[in-house]
Amino acid sequence: MKNIPTVECQMMIRKPASEVFQAFIDPAITTKFWFTKSSGKLETGKTVKWEWEMYHVSDNIEVKTIVPDQQITIEWGKPATTVDFIFTALSNDTTYVVIKNYGFHETGDELLAAIGNNTGGFTTVLDGLKAYLEHGIELNLVRDKFLKLKS
């Protein structure tokens, strides 16, 4: 059996699974903690465009699978990797979110860099999600992550 390089990040969110799930489906919520603009809600079989306007970056996201309140699977990037968002209800008002990213095409140092970047990125997303859903605070973590310093 071959080991597949996989990024895995997780966080417990003190909100019901349906609310946490919607935070990733509905860009009106997701823009509070991740990207700044989206062409629409996530729906199985649909391609949506996510934008990070402050960095002048965008990407098309292909929605592969949605299991309401349980899982979202997308493909994104060039070349594409797969991302699973898995939602496990621990109680009526607590959800464990796991993000798995796999299918990397890089090798060697490039693979290590991609895994490091994606681990940091998805951890930042989960941290922002927790602050927003639990406390109503927009931490601007993604917006402030890559400051362009003037030389």
C-alpha atoms as a PDB file:
ATOM      1  CA  MET A   1       0.000   0.000   0.000  1.00  0.00           C
ATOM      2  CA  LYS A   2       1.406   3.368  -1.052  1.00  0.00           C
ATOM      3  CA  ASN A   3       1.243   6.367   1.261  1.00  0.00           C
ATOM      4  CA  ILE A   4      -0.510   9.311  -0.374  1.00  0.00           C
ATOM      5  CA  PRO A   5       0.798  12.728   0.677  1.00  0.00           C
ATOM      6  CA  THR A   6      -2.132  14.379   2.452  1.00  0.00           C
ATOM      7  CA  VAL A   7      -2.646  17.612   4.323  1.00  0.00           C
ATOM      8  CA  GLU A   8      -5.020  17.192   7.247  1.00  0.00           C
ATOM      9  CA  CYS A   9      -6.225  20.030   9.468  1.00  0.00           C
ATOM     10  CA  GLN A  10      -8.983  19.908  12.046  1.00  0.00           C
ATOM     11  CA  MET A  11     -10.873  22.046  14.547  1.00  0.00           C
ATOM     12  CA  MET A  12     -13.811  21.681  16.899  1.00  0.00           C
ATOM     13  CA  ILE A  13     -16.417  24.399  16.353  1.00  0.00           C
ATOM     14  CA  ARG A  14     -19.034  25.077  19.015  1.00  0.00           C
ATOM     15  CA  LYS A  15     -21.941  25.303  16.586  1.00  0.00           C
ATOM     16  CA  PRO A  16     -24.351  22.739  15.069  1.00  0.00           C
ATOM     17  CA  ALA A  17     -23.084  20.749  12.074  1.00  0.00           C
ATOM     18  CA  SER A  18     -25.697  22.324   9.781  1.00  0.00           C
ATOM     19  CA  GLU A  19     -24.435  25.831  10.611  1.00  0.00           C
ATOM     20  CA  VAL A  20     -20.768  24.917  10.176  1.00  0.00           C
ATOM     21  CA  PHE A  21     -21.562  23.134   6.890  1.00  0.00           C
ATOM     22  CA  GLN A  22     -23.426  26.213   5.587  1.00  0.00           C
ATOM     23  CA  ALA A  23     -20.420  28.385   6.402  1.00  0.00           C
ATOM     24  CA  PHE A  24     -18.533  26.577   3.616  1.00  0.00           C
ATOM     25  CA  ILE A  25     -21.477  26.294   1.170  1.00  0.00           C
ATOM     26  CA  ASP A  26     -22.701  29.898   1.349  1.00  0.00           C
ATOM     27  CA  PRO A  27     -20.205  32.558   0.205  1.00  0.00           C
ATOM     28  CA  ALA A  28     -22.072  35.226   2.188  1.00  0.00           C
ATOM     29  CA  ILE A  29     -20.647  33.447   5.245  1.00  0.00           C
ATOM     30  CA  THR A  30     -17.388  32.083   3.808  1.00  0.00           C
ATOM     31  CA  THR A  31     -16.241  35.566   2.794  1.00  0.00           C
ATOM     32  CA  LYS A  32     -16.203  36.485   6.489  1.00  0.00           C
ATOM     33  CA  PHE A  33     -13.247  34.123   7.123  1.00  0.00           C
ATOM     34  CA  TRP A  34     -11.683  32.918   3.837  1.00  0.00           C
ATOM     35  CA  PHE A  35     -11.985  34.292   0.279  1.00  0.00           C
ATOM     36  CA  THR A  36     -13.410  37.735  -0.504  1.00  0.00           C
ATOM     37  CA  LYS A  37     -15.710  36.938  -3.429  1.00  0.00           C
ATOM     38  CA  SER A  38     -17.432  33.937  -5.022  1.00  0.00           C
ATOM     39  CA  SER A  39     -19.522  33.407  -8.139  1.00  0.00           C
ATOM     40  CA  GLY A  40     -22.062  31.382  -6.149  1.00  0.00           C
ATOM     41  CA  LYS A  41     -22.944  28.770  -3.574  1.00  0.00           C
ATOM     42  CA  LEU A  42     -21.368  25.334  -3.726  1.00  0.00           C
ATOM     43  CA  GLU A  43     -23.567  22.770  -5.471  1.00  0.00           C
ATOM     44  CA  THR A  44     -22.677  19.287  -6.714  1.00  0.00           C
ATOM     45  CA  GLY A  45     -21.467  19.406 -10.316  1.00  0.00           C
ATOM     46  CA  LYS A  46     -21.081  23.184 -10.321  1.00  0.00           C
ATOM     47  CA  THR A  47     -17.912  25.200 -10.939  1.00  0.00           C
ATOM     48  CA  VAL A  48     -17.573  28.382  -8.918  1.00  0.00           C
ATOM     49  CA  LYS A  49     -14.921  31.058  -8.945  1.00  0.00           C
ATOM     50  CA  TRP A  50     -13.334  32.071  -5.643  1.00  0.00           C
ATOM     51  CA  GLU A  51     -11.404  35.338  -5.426  1.00  0.00           C
ATOM     52  CA  TRP A  52      -8.947  36.812  -2.959  1.00  0.00           C
ATOM     53  CA  GLU A  53      -9.205  40.383  -4.201  1.00  0.00           C
ATOM     54  CA  MET A  54      -6.463  41.787  -1.948  1.00  0.00           C
ATOM     55  CA  TYR A  55      -3.948  39.451  -3.627  1.00  0.00           C
ATOM     56  CA  HIS A  56      -5.435  39.702  -7.154  1.00  0.00           C
ATOM     57  CA  VAL A  57      -5.815  35.904  -7.149  1.00  0.00           C
ATOM     58  CA  SER A  58      -8.735  33.713  -8.156  1.00  0.00           C
ATOM     59  CA  ASP A  59      -9.353  30.054  -8.848  1.00  0.00           C
ATOM     60  CA  ASN A  60     -12.126  27.892 -10.251  1.00  0.00           C
ATOM     61  CA  ILE A  61     -13.477  25.297  -7.848  1.00  0.00           C
ATOM     62  CA  GLU A  62     -15.166  22.156  -9.155  1.00  0.00           C
ATOM     63  CA  VAL A  63     -17.694  20.779  -6.684  1.00  0.00           C
ATOM     64  CA  LYS A  64     -17.558  16.993  -6.854  1.00  0.00           C
ATOM     65  CA  THR A  65     -19.719  15.834  -3.941  1.00  0.00           C
ATOM     66  CA  ILE A  66     -21.950  17.324  -1.297  1.00  0.00           C
ATOM     67  CA  VAL A  67     -23.498  15.280   1.504  1.00  0.00           C
ATOM     68  CA  PRO A  68     -25.576  17.789   3.507  1.00  0.00           C
ATOM     69  CA  ASP A  69     -24.144  18.555   6.943  1.00  0.00           C
ATOM     70  CA  GLN A  70     -21.484  15.839   6.498  1.00  0.00           C
ATOM     71  CA  GLN A  71     -19.062  16.362   3.594  1.00  0.00           C
ATOM     72  CA  ILE A  72     -18.048  18.612   0.723  1.00  0.00           C
ATOM     73  CA  THR A  73     -15.515  17.441  -1.865  1.00  0.00           C
ATOM     74  CA  ILE A  74     -13.976  19.889  -4.328  1.00  0.00           C
ATOM     75  CA  GLU A  75     -11.118  19.991  -6.797  1.00  0.00           C
ATOM     76  CA  TRP A  76      -9.067  23.131  -7.264  1.00  0.00           C
ATOM     77  CA  GLY A  77      -5.710  24.419  -8.404  1.00  0.00           C
ATOM     78  CA  LYS A  78      -3.578  23.813 -11.464  1.00  0.00           C
ATOM     79  CA  PRO A  79      -2.915  20.968 -11.539  1.00  0.00           C
ATOM     80  CA  ALA A  80      -5.972  20.153  -9.458  1.00  0.00           C
ATOM     81  CA  THR A  81      -5.887  18.594  -6.007  1.00  0.00           C
ATOM     82  CA  THR A  82      -8.840  17.210  -4.061  1.00  0.00           C
ATOM     83  CA  VAL A  83     -10.102  18.777  -0.854  1.00  0.00           C
ATOM     84  CA  ASP A  84     -12.550  17.037   1.484  1.00  0.00           C
ATOM     85  CA  PHE A  85     -14.361  19.036   4.164  1.00  0.00           C
ATOM     86  CA  ILE A  86     -15.749  16.538   6.678  1.00  0.00           C
ATOM     87  CA  PHE A  87     -18.251  17.593   9.355  1.00  0.00           C
ATOM     88  CA  THR A  88     -18.888  15.341  12.352  1.00  0.00           C
ATOM     89  CA  ALA A  89     -21.539  16.333  14.875  1.00  0.00           C
ATOM     90  CA  LEU A  90     -20.136  15.713  18.352  1.00  0.00           C
ATOM     91  CA  SER A  91     -23.337  16.990  19.986  1.00  0.00           C
ATOM     92  CA  ASN A  92     -26.296  19.165  18.975  1.00  0.00           C
ATOM     93  CA  ASP A  93     -24.120  22.271  19.219  1.00  0.00           C
ATOM     94  CA  THR A  94     -20.575  21.049  18.568  1.00  0.00           C
ATOM     95  CA  THR A  95     -18.993  20.001  15.256  1.00  0.00           C
ATOM     96  CA  TYR A  96     -15.575  18.569  14.446  1.00  0.00           C
ATOM     97  CA  VAL A  97     -14.323  19.784  11.062  1.00  0.00           C
ATOM     98  CA  VAL A  98     -11.560  17.937   9.218  1.00  0.00           C
ATOM     99  CA  ILE A  99     -10.073  19.281   5.987  1.00  0.00           C
ATOM    100  CA  LYS A 100      -8.072  16.798   3.894  1.00  0.00           C
ATOM    101  CA  ASN A 101      -6.158  17.905   0.803  1.00  0.00           C
ATOM    102  CA  TYR A 102      -4.531  15.300  -1.443  1.00  0.00           C
ATOM    103  CA  GLY A 103      -3.661  14.440  -5.032  1.00  0.00           C
ATOM    104  CA  PHE A 104      -0.523  16.558  -5.169  1.00  0.00           C
ATOM    105  CA  HIS A 105       1.490  16.377  -8.376  1.00  0.00           C
ATOM    106  CA  GLU A 106       4.699  17.840  -6.982  1.00  0.00           C
ATOM    107  CA  THR A 107       7.645  15.787  -5.732  1.00  0.00           C
ATOM    108  CA  GLY A 108      10.644  16.387  -3.489  1.00  0.00           C
ATOM    109  CA  ASP A 109      11.137  19.914  -2.164  1.00  0.00           C
ATOM    110  CA  GLU A 110       8.205  21.230  -4.234  1.00  0.00           C
ATOM    111  CA  LEU A 111       5.889  18.676  -2.583  1.00  0.00           C
ATOM    112  CA  LEU A 112       7.145  19.630   0.882  1.00  0.00           C
ATOM    113  CA  ALA A 113       6.539  23.311   0.097  1.00  0.00           C
ATOM    114  CA  ALA A 114       3.002  22.613  -1.221  1.00  0.00           C
ATOM    115  CA  ILE A 115       2.125  20.545   1.853  1.00  0.00           C
ATOM    116  CA  GLY A 116       3.497  23.237   4.167  1.00  0.00           C
ATOM    117  CA  ASN A 117       1.637  26.029   2.367  1.00  0.00           C
ATOM    118  CA  ASN A 118      -1.655  24.139   2.293  1.00  0.00           C
ATOM    119  CA  THR A 119      -1.373  23.030   5.928  1.00  0.00           C
ATOM    120  CA  GLY A 120      -0.832  26.639   6.985  1.00  0.00           C
ATOM    121  CA  GLY A 121      -3.597  27.885   4.711  1.00  0.00           C
ATOM    122  CA  PHE A 122      -6.263  25.446   5.847  1.00  0.00           C
ATOM    123  CA  THR A 123      -5.283  25.927   9.501  1.00  0.00           C
ATOM    124  CA  THR A 124      -5.752  29.671   9.032  1.00  0.00           C
ATOM    125  CA  VAL A 125      -9.174  29.056   7.455  1.00  0.00           C
ATOM    126  CA  LEU A 126     -10.290  26.903  10.392  1.00  0.00           C
ATOM    127  CA  ASP A 127      -9.017  29.442  12.923  1.00  0.00           C
ATOM    128  CA  GLY A 128     -10.960  32.206  11.172  1.00  0.00           C
ATOM    129  CA  LEU A 129     -14.060  30.001  10.927  1.00  0.00           C
ATOM    130  CA  LYS A 130     -13.978  29.301  14.672  1.00  0.00           C
ATOM    131  CA  ALA A 131     -13.625  32.976  15.599  1.00  0.00           C
ATOM    132  CA  TYR A 132     -16.405  34.014  13.239  1.00  0.00           C
ATOM    133  CA  LEU A 133     -18.977  31.314  14.043  1.00  0.00           C
ATOM    134  CA  GLU A 134     -18.377  31.146  17.795  1.00  0.00           C
ATOM    135  CA  HIS A 135     -17.763  34.828  18.529  1.00  0.00           C
ATOM    136  CA  GLY A 136     -18.895  36.818  15.477  1.00  0.00           C
ATOM    137  CA  ILE A 137     -15.380  38.189  15.005  1.00  0.00           C
ATOM    138  CA  GLU A 138     -13.818  38.655  11.581  1.00  0.00           C
ATOM    139  CA  LEU A 139     -10.116  38.219  12.318  1.00  0.00           C
ATOM    140  CA  ASN A 140      -9.021  38.994   8.728  1.00  0.00           C
ATOM    141  CA  LEU A 141      -6.473  36.177   9.006  1.00  0.00           C
ATOM    142  CA  VAL A 142      -6.370  35.350   5.297  1.00  0.00           C
ATOM    143  CA  ARG A 143      -6.434  39.028   4.321  1.00  0.00           C
ATOM    144  CA  ASP A 144      -3.454  39.772   6.577  1.00  0.00           C
ATOM    145  CA  LYS A 145      -1.409  36.613   5.977  1.00  0.00           C
ATOM    146  CA  PHE A 146       0.711  37.751   3.044  1.00  0.00           C
ATOM    147  CA  LEU A 147       1.681  41.330   3.732  1.00  0.00           C
ATOM    148  CA  LYS A 148       3.579  42.974   0.907  1.00  0.00           C
ATOM    149  CA  LEU A 149       6.400  44.915   2.497  1.00  0.00           C
ATOM    150  CA  LYS A 150       7.892  47.864   0.677  1.00  0.00           C
ATOM    151  CA  SER A 151      11.655  47.721   0.285  1.00  0.00           C
END
